[in-house]
C-alpha atoms as a PDB file:
ATOM      1  CA  MET A   1     100.389  50.799  60.221  1.00  0.00           C
ATOM      2  CA  LYS A   2      97.242  48.839  61.035  1.00  0.00           C
ATOM      3  CA  LEU A   3      95.087  48.402  57.929  1.00  0.00           C
ATOM      4  CA  PHE A   4      91.498  47.221  58.016  1.00  0.00           C
ATOM      5  CA  ILE A   5      90.784  45.708  54.607  1.00  0.00           C
ATOM      6  CA  ASP A   6      87.270  45.840  53.151  1.00  0.00           C
ATOM      7  CA  THR A   7      85.876  42.734  51.467  1.00  0.00           C
ATOM      8  CA  ASN A   8      86.079  44.190  47.955  1.00  0.00           C
ATOM      9  CA  VAL A   9      89.862  44.704  48.213  1.00  0.00           C
ATOM     10  CA  VAL A  10      90.422  41.152  49.438  1.00  0.00           C
ATOM     11  CA  LEU A  11      88.213  39.776  46.680  1.00  0.00           C
ATOM     12  CA  ASP A  12      90.138  41.803  44.083  1.00  0.00           C
ATOM     13  CA  VAL A  13      93.275  39.922  45.118  1.00  0.00           C
ATOM     14  CA  LEU A  14      91.820  36.442  45.565  1.00  0.00           C
ATOM     15  CA  ALA A  15      89.815  36.539  42.328  1.00  0.00           C
ATOM     16  CA  GLN A  16      92.422  38.619  40.464  1.00  0.00           C
ATOM     17  CA  ARG A  17      89.704  41.066  39.449  1.00  0.00           C
ATOM     18  CA  GLN A  18      90.782  43.613  36.893  1.00  0.00           C
ATOM     19  CA  PRO A  19      91.480  46.491  36.787  1.00  0.00           C
ATOM     20  CA  TRP A  20      91.871  46.558  40.587  1.00  0.00           C
ATOM     21  CA  PHE A  21      94.104  43.535  41.162  1.00  0.00           C
ATOM     22  CA  ASP A  22      97.502  45.248  40.913  1.00  0.00           C
ATOM     23  CA  ASP A  23      96.807  48.013  43.425  1.00  0.00           C
ATOM     24  CA  SER A  24      95.107  45.680  45.882  1.00  0.00           C
ATOM     25  CA  ALA A  25      97.907  43.127  45.511  1.00  0.00           C
ATOM     26  CA  HIS A  26     100.452  45.842  46.315  1.00  0.00           C
ATOM     27  CA  VAL A  27      98.573  46.584  49.544  1.00  0.00           C
ATOM     28  CA  PHE A  28      98.858  42.903  50.415  1.00  0.00           C
ATOM     29  CA  ALA A  29     102.563  42.986  49.531  1.00  0.00           C
ATOM     30  CA  HIS A  30     103.098  45.676  52.176  1.00  0.00           C
ATOM     31  CA  ILE A  31     101.408  43.387  54.701  1.00  0.00           C
ATOM     32  CA  GLU A  32     103.443  40.348  53.613  1.00  0.00           C
ATOM     33  CA  GLN A  33     106.652  42.387  53.942  1.00  0.00           C
ATOM     34  CA  GLY A  34     105.730  43.431  57.473  1.00  0.00           C
ATOM     35  CA  ARG A  35     105.373  47.111  56.574  1.00  0.00           C
ATOM     36  CA  ALA A  36     101.759  47.030  57.791  1.00  0.00           C
ATOM     37  CA  THR A  37      99.397  44.647  59.525  1.00  0.00           C
ATOM     38  CA  GLY A  38      96.213  43.582  57.802  1.00  0.00           C
ATOM     39  CA  HIS A  39      92.891  43.027  59.537  1.00  0.00           C
ATOM     40  CA  ILE A  40      89.496  41.839  58.338  1.00  0.00           C
ATOM     41  CA  ALA A  41      86.172  41.242  60.028  1.00  0.00           C
ATOM     42  CA  ALA A  42      85.289  37.632  60.793  1.00  0.00           C
ATOM     43  CA  HIS A  43      82.205  37.779  58.585  1.00  0.00           C
ATOM     44  CA  THR A  44      84.414  38.739  55.638  1.00  0.00           C
ATOM     45  CA  VAL A  45      85.784  35.194  55.616  1.00  0.00           C
ATOM     46  CA  THR A  46      82.326  33.661  55.286  1.00  0.00           C
ATOM     47  CA  THR A  47      81.382  36.149  52.569  1.00  0.00           C
ATOM     48  CA  LEU A  48      84.568  35.372  50.654  1.00  0.00           C
ATOM     49  CA  HIS A  49      83.969  31.635  50.975  1.00  0.00           C
ATOM     50  CA  TYR A  50      80.494  32.026  49.524  1.00  0.00           C
ATOM     51  CA  LEU A  51      81.726  34.136  46.601  1.00  0.00           C
ATOM     52  CA  LEU A  52      84.830  32.089  45.804  1.00  0.00           C
ATOM     53  CA  ALA A  53      83.032  28.744  46.025  1.00  0.00           C
ATOM     54  CA  ARG A  54      80.859  29.814  43.108  1.00  0.00           C
ATOM     55  CA  HIS A  55      83.935  29.869  40.841  1.00  0.00           C
ATOM     56  CA  LEU A  56      86.551  27.599  42.430  1.00  0.00           C
ATOM     57  CA  THR A  57      86.702  24.016  43.603  1.00  0.00           C
ATOM     58  CA  PRO A  58      86.124  23.436  47.315  1.00  0.00           C
ATOM     59  CA  GLN A  59      89.834  22.625  47.706  1.00  0.00           C
ATOM     60  CA  LYS A  60      90.991  25.851  45.997  1.00  0.00           C
ATOM     61  CA  THR A  61      88.492  27.898  47.988  1.00  0.00           C
ATOM     62  CA  ALA A  62      89.699  26.416  51.261  1.00  0.00           C
ATOM     63  CA  ALA A  63      93.366  26.843  50.305  1.00  0.00           C
ATOM     64  CA  ALA A  64      92.853  30.508  49.417  1.00  0.00           C
ATOM     65  CA  LEU A  65      91.122  31.213  52.723  1.00  0.00           C
ATOM     66  CA  ILE A  66      93.706  29.286  54.738  1.00  0.00           C
ATOM     67  CA  ASP A  67      96.443  31.423  53.181  1.00  0.00           C
ATOM     68  CA  LEU A  68      94.408  34.573  53.765  1.00  0.00           C
ATOM     69  CA  THR A  69      93.739  33.836  57.431  1.00  0.00           C
ATOM     70  CA  ALA A  70      97.426  33.071  57.966  1.00  0.00           C
ATOM     71  CA  LEU A  71      98.311  36.528  56.639  1.00  0.00           C
ATOM     72  CA  LEU A  72      95.568  38.709  58.117  1.00  0.00           C
ATOM     73  CA  HIS A  73      94.273  39.192  61.639  1.00  0.00           C
ATOM     74  CA  ILE A  74      90.639  38.182  61.941  1.00  0.00           C
ATOM     75  CA  GLU A  75      88.660  40.660  64.019  1.00  0.00           C
ATOM     76  CA  PRO A  76      85.605  39.417  65.913  1.00  0.00           C
ATOM     77  CA  VAL A  77      82.135  40.618  65.086  1.00  0.00           C
ATOM     78  CA  ASP A  78      80.164  40.294  68.278  1.00  0.00           C
ATOM     79  CA  HIS A  79      76.946  41.517  69.839  1.00  0.00           C
ATOM     80  CA  SER A  80      78.396  44.926  70.688  1.00  0.00           C
ATOM     81  CA  ILE A  81      79.670  45.561  67.161  1.00  0.00           C
ATOM     82  CA  LEU A  82      76.367  44.538  65.605  1.00  0.00           C
ATOM     83  CA  GLN A  83      74.436  46.756  68.028  1.00  0.00           C
ATOM     84  CA  GLN A  84      76.681  49.742  67.257  1.00  0.00           C
ATOM     85  CA  ALA A  85      76.379  49.143  63.514  1.00  0.00           C
ATOM     86  CA  LEU A  86      72.594  48.980  63.763  1.00  0.00           C
ATOM     87  CA  THR A  87      72.453  52.308  65.584  1.00  0.00           C
ATOM     88  CA  LEU A  88      74.436  54.080  62.839  1.00  0.00           C
ATOM     89  CA  GLY A  89      71.457  53.989  60.489  1.00  0.00           C
ATOM     90  CA  TRP A  90      73.587  53.454  57.373  1.00  0.00           C
ATOM     91  CA  ARG A  91      71.846  52.237  54.212  1.00  0.00           C
ATOM     92  CA  ASN A  92      74.286  49.335  53.911  1.00  0.00           C
ATOM     93  CA  PHE A  93      74.425  47.400  57.177  1.00  0.00           C
ATOM     94  CA  GLU A  94      77.450  45.354  56.088  1.00  0.00           C
ATOM     95  CA  ASP A  95      79.443  48.559  55.530  1.00  0.00           C
ATOM     96  CA  ALA A  96      78.403  49.774  58.982  1.00  0.00           C
ATOM     97  CA  VAL A  97      79.643  46.509  60.506  1.00  0.00           C
ATOM     98  CA  GLN A  98      82.948  46.921  58.646  1.00  0.00           C
ATOM     99  CA  ALA A  99      83.342  50.504  59.897  1.00  0.00           C
ATOM    100  CA  VAL A 100      82.554  49.646  63.523  1.00  0.00           C
ATOM    101  CA  THR A 101      84.890  46.642  63.419  1.00  0.00           C
ATOM    102  CA  ALA A 102      87.678  48.828  61.998  1.00  0.00           C
ATOM    103  CA  ALA A 103      87.167  51.328  64.808  1.00  0.00           C
ATOM    104  CA  GLN A 104      86.996  48.583  67.442  1.00  0.00           C
ATOM    105  CA  CYS A 105      90.360  47.139  66.382  1.00  0.00           C
ATOM    106  CA  GLN A 106      91.829  50.666  66.324  1.00  0.00           C
ATOM    107  CA  ALA A 107      92.826  50.519  62.669  1.00  0.00           C
ATOM    108  CA  ASP A 108      94.799  53.423  61.267  1.00  0.00           C
ATOM    109  CA  CYS A 109      92.759  53.273  58.081  1.00  0.00           C
ATOM    110  CA  LEU A 110      90.009  51.347  56.354  1.00  0.00           C
ATOM    111  CA  VAL A 111      91.062  50.325  52.847  1.00  0.00           C
ATOM    112  CA  THR A 112      88.221  50.050  50.340  1.00  0.00           C
ATOM    113  CA  ARG A 113      87.459  50.740  46.713  1.00  0.00           C
ATOM    114  CA  ASN A 114      84.208  52.384  47.764  1.00  0.00           C
ATOM    115  CA  PRO A 115      85.144  55.264  50.086  1.00  0.00           C
ATOM    116  CA  ARG A 116      81.791  56.989  49.464  1.00  0.00           C
ATOM    117  CA  ASP A 117      80.138  54.108  51.348  1.00  0.00           C
ATOM    118  CA  PHE A 118      82.146  55.020  54.458  1.00  0.00           C
ATOM    119  CA  LYS A 119      81.730  58.814  54.596  1.00  0.00           C
ATOM    120  CA  GLN A 120      80.721  58.647  58.259  1.00  0.00           C
ATOM    121  CA  SER A 121      83.454  56.227  59.331  1.00  0.00           C
ATOM    122  CA  LEU A 122      85.349  57.075  62.508  1.00  0.00           C
ATOM    123  CA  VAL A 123      88.430  55.488  60.919  1.00  0.00           C
ATOM    124  CA  PRO A 124      90.099  57.326  58.017  1.00  0.00           C
ATOM    125  CA  VAL A 125      89.179  55.711  54.691  1.00  0.00           C
ATOM    126  CA  MET A 126      91.509  55.266  51.699  1.00  0.00           C
ATOM    127  CA  THR A 127      91.416  53.466  48.400  1.00  0.00           C
ATOM    128  CA  PRO A 128      94.302  51.125  47.633  1.00  0.00           C
ATOM    129  CA  VAL A 129      95.703  53.776  45.266  1.00  0.00           C
ATOM    130  CA  GLU A 130      95.576  56.464  47.969  1.00  0.00           C
ATOM    131  CA  LEU A 131      97.168  54.168  50.525  1.00  0.00           C
ATOM    132  CA  LEU A 132      99.988  53.175  48.169  1.00  0.00           C
ATOM    133  CA  ALA A 133     100.724  56.852  47.467  1.00  0.00           C
ATOM    134  CA  LEU A 134     100.928  57.488  51.215  1.00  0.00           C
ATOM    135  CA  LEU A 135     103.219  54.514  51.781  1.00  0.00           C
ATOM    136  CA  ALA A 136     105.522  55.384  48.853  1.00  0.00           C
END
């Protein structure tokens, strides 16, 4: 199964944010075990760097992102994706970019804690809890 992981789920794992850490970490465990492939948009890495660097040393931030990029496939965000996202007219442009990138990489589902933000997604949307129930 090809999973496109939204930024909030990745951040839950990297920052061990409660109460979401356990479910999000279990999604990552499925990826680590080869039961699914994980994909993120390229801009997610820069967003994560910005957020993590506010709380971690530069070395710990870099190490976390090196590990992350070794585990997940990084999907490009190019001119075409940005143009498509702009034409969607969503309130949150970043969510539109995530949705278009998920569709472009032909993900089976977009995993997010905020499914209401992706009501118009062409890719099925699940929370970590919903995905884990499906995979069980």
